[in-house]
Amino acid sequence: MASIINIHEAKTHLSRIVEEVAAGREVIIAKAGRGVAKLVPLDGLPKAKKLGGLKGKMTVPDDFNAPLEPDLIAAFEGQP
């Protein structure tokens, strides 16, 4: 269950609130009685990206970096 605190209290006691959130508590920050933000604990650090995950699953055509046709460029530029 999340607790609701006003923004002034959140600014005044930010360090304590962050410690409580890190321990598993959820906190909703309210402004004028309406919730505007929710502090939740992180599940952990983001996992490292694995490079080459699609190797062998797709191919890049030989003309990938070739210049575009003039009529296609015109279409992108909104020219008839």
N, C-alpha and C. Protein backbone atom coordinates (compact mmCIF):
# COMPACT_ATOMS: atom_id res chain seq x y z
N MET A 1 0.85 -1.19 0.00
CA MET A 1 0.00 0.00 0.00
C MET A 1 0.88 1.24 0.00
N ALA A 2 0.61 2.16 -0.88
CA ALA A 2 1.39 3.39 -0.98
C ALA A 2 0.87 4.43 0.00
N SER A 3 1.78 5.20 0.54
CA SER A 3 1.36 6.31 1.38
C SER A 3 1.39 7.59 0.55
N ILE A 4 0.58 8.57 0.94
CA ILE A 4 0.48 9.82 0.20
C ILE A 4 1.05 10.93 1.08
N ILE A 5 1.98 11.71 0.51
CA ILE A 5 2.54 12.85 1.21
C ILE A 5 2.46 14.07 0.32
N ASN A 6 2.41 15.25 0.92
CA ASN A 6 2.35 16.46 0.09
C ASN A 6 3.74 16.84 -0.37
N ILE A 7 3.81 17.66 -1.38
CA ILE A 7 5.09 18.00 -2.00
C ILE A 7 6.02 18.73 -1.04
N HIS A 8 5.48 19.55 -0.15
CA HIS A 8 6.32 20.25 0.82
C HIS A 8 7.00 19.26 1.75
N GLU A 9 6.25 18.29 2.25
CA GLU A 9 6.84 17.27 3.11
C GLU A 9 7.89 16.46 2.35
N ALA A 10 7.62 16.17 1.08
CA ALA A 10 8.57 15.40 0.27
C ALA A 10 9.88 16.17 0.12
N LYS A 11 9.81 17.48 -0.10
CA LYS A 11 11.03 18.28 -0.22
C LYS A 11 11.77 18.34 1.10
N THR A 12 11.04 18.46 2.19
CA THR A 12 11.66 18.59 3.50
C THR A 12 12.33 17.30 3.96
N HIS A 13 11.72 16.16 3.65
CA HIS A 13 12.19 14.87 4.16
C HIS A 13 12.62 13.92 3.05
N LEU A 14 13.17 14.44 1.97
CA LEU A 14 13.48 13.62 0.80
C LEU A 14 14.41 12.45 1.13
N SER A 15 15.46 12.69 1.89
CA SER A 15 16.41 11.62 2.20
C SER A 15 15.72 10.47 2.93
N ARG A 16 14.91 10.78 3.92
CA ARG A 16 14.20 9.74 4.68
C ARG A 16 13.22 8.98 3.78
N ILE A 17 12.52 9.72 2.92
CA ILE A 17 11.54 9.10 2.03
C ILE A 17 12.23 8.16 1.05
N VAL A 18 13.37 8.59 0.50
CA VAL A 18 14.10 7.74 -0.44
C VAL A 18 14.57 6.46 0.24
N GLU A 19 15.02 6.56 1.48
CA GLU A 19 15.42 5.36 2.23
C GLU A 19 14.25 4.40 2.41
N GLU A 20 13.08 4.93 2.73
CA GLU A 20 11.89 4.09 2.91
C GLU A 20 11.48 3.44 1.59
N VAL A 21 11.57 4.18 0.50
CA VAL A 21 11.23 3.62 -0.81
C VAL A 21 12.22 2.52 -1.17
N ALA A 22 13.51 2.75 -0.91
CA ALA A 22 14.52 1.74 -1.20
C ALA A 22 14.26 0.46 -0.40
N ALA A 23 13.63 0.60 0.76
CA ALA A 23 13.31 -0.56 1.60
C ALA A 23 12.04 -1.27 1.14
N GLY A 24 11.36 -0.74 0.11
CA GLY A 24 10.20 -1.43 -0.43
C GLY A 24 8.88 -0.67 -0.36
N ARG A 25 8.85 0.45 0.28
CA ARG A 25 7.61 1.22 0.43
C ARG A 25 7.36 2.06 -0.82
N GLU A 26 6.12 2.21 -1.22
CA GLU A 26 5.75 3.09 -2.33
C GLU A 26 5.18 4.38 -1.76
N VAL A 27 5.53 5.51 -2.36
CA VAL A 27 5.08 6.81 -1.88
C VAL A 27 4.50 7.60 -3.05
N ILE A 28 3.33 8.16 -2.84
CA ILE A 28 2.71 9.04 -3.83
C ILE A 28 2.88 10.47 -3.34
N ILE A 29 3.40 11.34 -4.21
CA ILE A 29 3.58 12.75 -3.87
C ILE A 29 2.39 13.51 -4.44
N ALA A 30 1.76 14.30 -3.58
CA ALA A 30 0.55 15.03 -3.96
C ALA A 30 0.79 16.53 -3.98
N LYS A 31 0.10 17.20 -4.88
CA LYS A 31 0.12 18.65 -4.95
C LYS A 31 -1.34 19.10 -4.94
N ALA A 32 -1.69 19.91 -3.98
CA ALA A 32 -3.07 20.38 -3.81
C ALA A 32 -4.03 19.20 -3.65
N GLY A 33 -3.55 18.17 -2.94
CA GLY A 33 -4.41 17.02 -2.65
C GLY A 33 -4.54 15.99 -3.75
N ARG A 34 -3.89 16.22 -4.88
CA ARG A 34 -3.96 15.27 -6.01
C ARG A 34 -2.60 14.65 -6.25
N GLY A 35 -2.56 13.34 -6.37
CA GLY A 35 -1.31 12.65 -6.65
C GLY A 35 -0.72 13.07 -7.98
N VAL A 36 0.58 13.40 -8.00
CA VAL A 36 1.22 13.81 -9.24
C VAL A 36 2.44 12.96 -9.57
N ALA A 37 2.98 12.23 -8.58
CA ALA A 37 4.16 11.40 -8.83
C ALA A 37 4.13 10.22 -7.88
N LYS A 38 4.76 9.13 -8.32
CA LYS A 38 4.82 7.93 -7.49
C LYS A 38 6.27 7.47 -7.41
N LEU A 39 6.77 7.32 -6.21
CA LEU A 39 8.11 6.80 -5.98
C LEU A 39 8.00 5.32 -5.66
N VAL A 40 8.71 4.51 -6.42
CA VAL A 40 8.69 3.06 -6.21
C VAL A 40 10.13 2.56 -6.19
N PRO A 41 10.39 1.48 -5.47
CA PRO A 41 11.75 0.94 -5.44
C PRO A 41 12.12 0.35 -6.79
N LEU A 42 13.39 0.48 -7.13
CA LEU A 42 13.89 -0.14 -8.36
C LEU A 42 14.05 -1.63 -8.14
N ASP A 43 13.82 -2.40 -9.18
CA ASP A 43 13.97 -3.85 -9.09
C ASP A 43 15.43 -4.26 -9.18
N GLY A 44 16.28 -3.36 -9.48
CA GLY A 44 17.70 -3.66 -9.65
C GLY A 44 18.25 -2.83 -10.79
N LEU A 45 19.50 -2.98 -11.05
CA LEU A 45 20.12 -2.24 -12.14
C LEU A 45 19.68 -2.80 -13.48
N PRO A 46 19.60 -1.96 -14.50
CA PRO A 46 19.24 -2.47 -15.82
C PRO A 46 20.25 -3.51 -16.29
N LYS A 47 19.76 -4.49 -16.99
CA LYS A 47 20.64 -5.54 -17.50
C LYS A 47 21.45 -5.00 -18.68
N ALA A 48 22.67 -5.48 -18.78
CA ALA A 48 23.54 -5.06 -19.88
C ALA A 48 22.97 -5.56 -21.21
N LYS A 49 23.10 -4.74 -22.23
CA LYS A 49 22.64 -5.12 -23.57
C LYS A 49 23.59 -6.13 -24.17
N LYS A 50 23.04 -7.13 -24.80
CA LYS A 50 23.86 -8.14 -25.47
C LYS A 50 23.96 -7.77 -26.95
N LEU A 51 25.15 -7.47 -27.41
CA LEU A 51 25.34 -7.12 -28.81
C LEU A 51 25.32 -8.38 -29.67
N GLY A 52 24.79 -8.25 -30.86
CA GLY A 52 24.78 -9.36 -31.80
C GLY A 52 23.62 -10.33 -31.59
N GLY A 53 22.59 -9.91 -30.89
CA GLY A 53 21.46 -10.79 -30.61
C GLY A 53 20.68 -11.22 -31.84
N LEU A 54 20.76 -10.45 -32.91
CA LEU A 54 20.04 -10.79 -34.15
C LEU A 54 20.95 -11.37 -35.22
N LYS A 55 22.19 -11.66 -34.86
CA LYS A 55 23.13 -12.19 -35.84
C LYS A 55 22.58 -13.47 -36.47
N GLY A 56 22.57 -13.50 -37.80
CA GLY A 56 22.07 -14.66 -38.53
C GLY A 56 20.56 -14.68 -38.70
N LYS A 57 19.84 -13.73 -38.08
CA LYS A 57 18.38 -13.71 -38.17
C LYS A 57 17.88 -12.68 -39.18
N MET A 58 18.76 -11.82 -39.63
CA MET A 58 18.36 -10.82 -40.62
C MET A 58 19.57 -10.47 -41.48
N THR A 59 19.30 -9.90 -42.62
CA THR A 59 20.38 -9.49 -43.52
C THR A 59 20.17 -8.04 -43.93
N VAL A 60 21.27 -7.37 -44.23
CA VAL A 60 21.22 -5.99 -44.70
C VAL A 60 21.57 -6.02 -46.18
N PRO A 61 20.72 -5.45 -47.03
CA PRO A 61 21.00 -5.49 -48.47
C PRO A 61 22.29 -4.74 -48.80
N ASP A 62 22.93 -5.14 -49.89
CA ASP A 62 24.18 -4.51 -50.31
C ASP A 62 24.01 -3.02 -50.63
N ASP A 63 22.82 -2.63 -51.10
CA ASP A 63 22.59 -1.23 -51.48
C ASP A 63 21.97 -0.41 -50.34
N PHE A 64 22.14 -0.85 -49.11
CA PHE A 64 21.53 -0.18 -47.96
C PHE A 64 21.89 1.30 -47.88
N ASN A 65 23.14 1.63 -48.13
CA ASN A 65 23.61 3.02 -48.04
C ASN A 65 23.60 3.75 -49.38
N ALA A 66 23.01 3.17 -50.39
CA ALA A 66 22.97 3.81 -51.71
C ALA A 66 22.06 5.03 -51.66
N PRO A 67 22.35 6.05 -52.47
CA PRO A 67 21.48 7.23 -52.51
C PRO A 67 20.06 6.85 -52.94
N LEU A 68 19.09 7.59 -52.44
CA LEU A 68 17.70 7.35 -52.80
C LEU A 68 17.41 7.87 -54.20
N GLU A 69 16.38 7.29 -54.82
CA GLU A 69 15.93 7.74 -56.13
C GLU A 69 15.40 9.17 -56.01
N PRO A 70 15.61 10.02 -57.02
CA PRO A 70 15.13 11.41 -56.95
C PRO A 70 13.63 11.52 -56.69
N ASP A 71 12.80 10.65 -57.29
CA ASP A 71 11.36 10.74 -57.06
C ASP A 71 10.98 10.37 -55.63
N LEU A 72 11.74 9.49 -55.00
CA LEU A 72 11.48 9.13 -53.60
C LEU A 72 11.87 10.28 -52.68
N ILE A 73 12.97 10.94 -52.96
CA ILE A 73 13.38 12.11 -52.18
C ILE A 73 12.32 13.19 -52.31
N ALA A 74 11.81 13.41 -53.51
CA ALA A 74 10.76 14.42 -53.74
C ALA A 74 9.51 14.09 -52.93
N ALA A 75 9.16 12.81 -52.87
CA ALA A 75 7.98 12.40 -52.12
C ALA A 75 8.16 12.68 -50.62
N PHE A 76 9.36 12.43 -50.09
CA PHE A 76 9.63 12.73 -48.69
C PHE A 76 9.57 14.23 -48.41
N GLU A 77 9.96 15.01 -49.38
CA GLU A 77 9.96 16.46 -49.23
C GLU A 77 8.62 17.10 -49.56
N GLY A 78 7.64 16.28 -49.91
CA GLY A 78 6.30 16.78 -50.21
C GLY A 78 6.18 17.41 -51.57
N GLN A 79 7.07 17.09 -52.46
CA GLN A 79 7.01 17.64 -53.82
C GLN A 79 6.28 16.66 -54.73
N PRO A 80 5.53 17.16 -55.68
CA PRO A 80 4.78 16.26 -56.58
C PRO A 80 5.68 15.53 -57.56
